[in-house]
Amino acid sequence: MNPKVALIMGSDSDLPALRPCVKRLRDFGIDVEARVISAHRTPDAAATFAKNAKARGFSVIIGAAGKAAHLPGVLAAFTTLPVIGIPIKSSTMDGLDSLLSIVQMPKGIPVATVAIDGGENAAILAAQIIGLSHPSVAEKLEEHKLSMLREVSEKDARLQEEINNI
């Protein structure tokens, strides 16, 4: 059975920013269940989901929200699972409001926070957590790192060639 991550977004309008997260999780062999649950409009649903997430087999919860962005913190308040917050860029403050809402959690309720619209990094962080107990995920992370190394090395070689031809 593949490990499983919950991807909870505050609004369906957050999906475009989260597509890279879903793709990267699937690339690592991690199943994703995505839901729209609002910390403000459906707080009971958020609490119920978080309280039952561990029993439902989730390893990590990723919460994505914009503006007030309380969703990741609300989810974290009701579970002992790791929660990763993705601040979503909003029209008001370009996502800075979301970032600050997620990163400034009170003592005892941590939320790991990635960059604004940082869905791909949230997926990688979730995979790193899961990889501690799932060797197949850890192996795919190693392959991903090697792929990035090759990509940068190829770019450097092309740059050296271009610079030498100036």
Protein backbone atom coordinates (compact mmCIF):
# COMPACT_ATOMS: atom_id res chain seq x y z
CA MET A 1 0.00 0.00 0.00
CA ASN A 2 1.30 3.43 -0.94
CA PRO A 3 1.71 6.11 1.73
CA LYS A 4 -1.03 8.71 1.68
CA VAL A 5 -1.06 12.52 2.03
CA ALA A 6 -4.08 14.74 2.56
CA LEU A 7 -4.07 17.95 0.55
CA ILE A 8 -6.64 20.30 2.04
CA MET A 9 -7.31 23.60 0.31
CA GLY A 10 -9.44 26.44 1.56
CA SER A 11 -10.99 27.07 -1.84
CA ASP A 12 -11.12 25.37 -5.21
CA SER A 13 -9.48 28.51 -6.62
CA ASP A 14 -6.27 27.29 -4.89
CA LEU A 15 -6.00 24.27 -7.21
CA PRO A 16 -3.87 25.88 -9.95
CA ALA A 17 -1.14 26.63 -7.41
CA LEU A 18 -1.39 23.07 -6.04
CA ARG A 19 -1.17 21.06 -9.26
CA PRO A 20 2.66 20.80 -8.97
CA CYS A 21 2.21 19.46 -5.44
CA VAL A 22 -0.14 16.69 -6.57
CA LYS A 23 2.09 15.77 -9.51
CA ARG A 24 5.26 15.63 -7.40
CA LEU A 25 3.60 13.53 -4.67
CA ARG A 26 2.40 11.06 -7.30
CA ASP A 27 5.89 11.00 -8.86
CA PHE A 28 7.17 9.81 -5.47
CA GLY A 29 4.54 7.05 -5.31
CA ILE A 30 2.45 8.83 -2.69
CA ASP A 31 -1.33 8.73 -2.91
CA VAL A 32 -3.10 12.07 -2.58
CA GLU A 33 -6.58 12.81 -1.33
CA ALA A 34 -7.51 16.41 -2.07
CA ARG A 35 -10.40 18.22 -0.41
CA VAL A 36 -11.85 21.72 -0.16
CA ILE A 37 -12.44 22.48 3.51
CA SER A 38 -12.56 26.00 4.89
CA ALA A 39 -11.23 26.89 8.33
CA HIS A 40 -13.84 29.67 8.54
CA ARG A 41 -16.84 28.44 6.57
CA THR A 42 -16.64 24.75 7.54
CA PRO A 43 -14.65 24.67 10.81
CA ASP A 44 -16.38 21.50 12.06
CA ALA A 45 -15.41 19.68 8.85
CA ALA A 46 -11.80 20.83 9.26
CA ALA A 47 -11.69 19.59 12.86
CA THR A 48 -13.34 16.27 11.98
CA PHE A 49 -11.00 15.67 9.06
CA ALA A 50 -7.88 16.39 11.12
CA LYS A 51 -9.05 14.32 14.09
CA ASN A 52 -9.63 11.28 11.86
CA ALA A 53 -6.71 11.68 9.44
CA LYS A 54 -4.29 9.39 11.29
CA ALA A 55 -6.88 6.62 11.64
CA ARG A 56 -7.61 6.96 7.92
CA GLY A 57 -3.98 6.19 7.12
CA PHE A 58 -2.60 9.61 6.24
CA SER A 59 1.07 10.22 6.99
CA VAL A 60 1.12 13.99 6.44
CA ILE A 61 -1.46 16.74 5.96
CA ILE A 62 -0.76 19.61 3.61
CA GLY A 63 -2.98 22.63 4.15
CA ALA A 64 -3.13 25.40 1.56
CA ALA A 65 -4.92 28.68 2.04
CA GLY A 66 -4.82 32.32 1.07
CA LYS A 67 -5.54 35.61 2.83
CA ALA A 68 -6.19 34.90 6.54
CA ALA A 69 -4.89 31.36 5.86
CA HIS A 70 -5.86 29.78 9.15
CA LEU A 71 -6.53 26.35 7.63
CA PRO A 72 -3.12 24.71 8.23
CA GLY A 73 -3.10 25.89 11.86
CA VAL A 74 -6.64 24.70 12.48
CA LEU A 75 -5.77 21.29 11.03
CA ALA A 76 -2.62 21.14 13.19
CA ALA A 77 -4.64 21.94 16.31
CA PHE A 78 -6.60 18.70 15.91
CA THR A 79 -3.89 16.17 14.97
CA THR A 80 -0.44 14.94 15.88
CA LEU A 81 0.40 14.30 12.23
CA PRO A 82 2.91 16.65 10.60
CA VAL A 83 1.14 19.55 8.90
CA ILE A 84 2.75 21.49 6.08
CA GLY A 85 1.30 24.88 5.18
CA ILE A 86 1.29 26.37 1.71
CA PRO A 87 0.52 30.09 1.66
CA ILE A 88 -1.45 30.89 -1.49
CA LYS A 89 -0.81 34.14 -3.31
CA SER A 90 -3.77 36.45 -2.86
CA SER A 91 -4.72 39.61 -4.67
CA THR A 92 -4.55 41.69 -1.52
CA MET A 93 -0.91 41.39 -0.42
CA ASP A 94 0.56 38.97 -2.98
CA GLY A 95 0.48 36.15 -0.42
CA LEU A 96 2.44 37.87 2.33
CA ASP A 97 -0.73 37.90 4.44
CA SER A 98 -1.08 34.15 3.90
CA LEU A 99 2.56 33.47 4.69
CA LEU A 100 2.44 35.38 7.96
CA SER A 101 -0.85 33.75 8.98
CA ILE A 102 0.62 30.28 8.52
CA VAL A 103 4.15 30.77 9.82
CA GLN A 104 3.21 32.60 13.06
CA MET A 105 1.78 29.62 14.94
CA PRO A 106 1.60 29.62 18.74
CA LYS A 107 3.85 27.44 20.86
CA GLY A 108 2.80 23.80 20.78
CA ILE A 109 1.02 23.87 17.39
CA PRO A 110 3.76 23.81 14.73
CA VAL A 111 3.09 24.06 11.02
CA ALA A 112 6.02 23.58 8.65
CA THR A 113 5.65 26.34 6.08
CA VAL A 114 6.93 26.56 2.53
CA ALA A 115 7.14 29.53 0.18
CA ILE A 116 4.13 31.34 -1.24
CA ASP A 117 2.60 29.00 -3.86
CA GLY A 118 5.34 26.51 -2.90
CA GLY A 119 3.36 23.36 -3.61
CA GLU A 120 6.24 21.43 -5.11
CA ASN A 121 8.42 22.03 -2.04
CA ALA A 122 5.53 20.97 0.20
CA ALA A 123 5.37 17.70 -1.72
CA ILE A 124 9.13 17.18 -1.38
CA LEU A 125 9.01 17.92 2.36
CA ALA A 126 6.10 15.49 2.78
CA ALA A 127 8.08 12.86 0.84
CA GLN A 128 11.12 13.44 3.07
CA ILE A 129 8.99 12.84 6.17
CA ILE A 130 7.40 9.75 4.64
CA GLY A 131 10.75 8.54 3.30
CA LEU A 132 11.96 8.01 6.87
CA SER A 133 9.73 4.93 7.06
CA HIS A 134 9.16 4.09 3.36
CA PRO A 135 12.38 3.09 1.56
CA SER A 136 10.76 3.29 -1.89
CA VAL A 137 9.93 6.98 -1.32
CA ALA A 138 13.44 7.65 0.02
CA GLU A 139 14.87 6.05 -3.12
CA LYS A 140 12.73 8.26 -5.37
CA LEU A 141 13.91 11.31 -3.41
CA GLU A 142 17.52 10.30 -4.06
CA GLU A 143 16.73 9.93 -7.78
CA HIS A 144 15.11 13.38 -7.74
CA LYS A 145 18.23 14.93 -6.16
CA LEU A 146 20.46 13.25 -8.76
CA SER A 147 18.19 14.52 -11.53
CA MET A 148 18.52 18.08 -10.23
CA LEU A 149 22.32 17.65 -10.02
CA ARG A 150 22.47 16.46 -13.65
CA GLU A 151 20.24 19.33 -14.79
CA VAL A 152 22.41 21.97 -13.15
CA SER A 153 25.62 20.31 -14.41
CA GLU A 154 24.27 20.34 -17.98
CA LYS A 155 23.32 24.01 -17.67
CA ASP A 156 26.78 24.81 -16.34
CA ALA A 157 28.44 22.96 -19.24
CA ARG A 158 26.31 24.90 -21.75
CA LEU A 159 27.20 28.18 -20.01
CA GLN A 160 30.92 27.35 -20.07
CA GLU A 161 30.68 26.61 -23.79
CA GLU A 162 28.81 29.85 -24.45
CA ILE A 163 31.22 31.93 -22.35
CA ASN A 164 34.21 30.39 -24.15
CA ASN A 165 32.69 31.42 -27.50
CA ILE A 166 32.32 35.09 -26.61
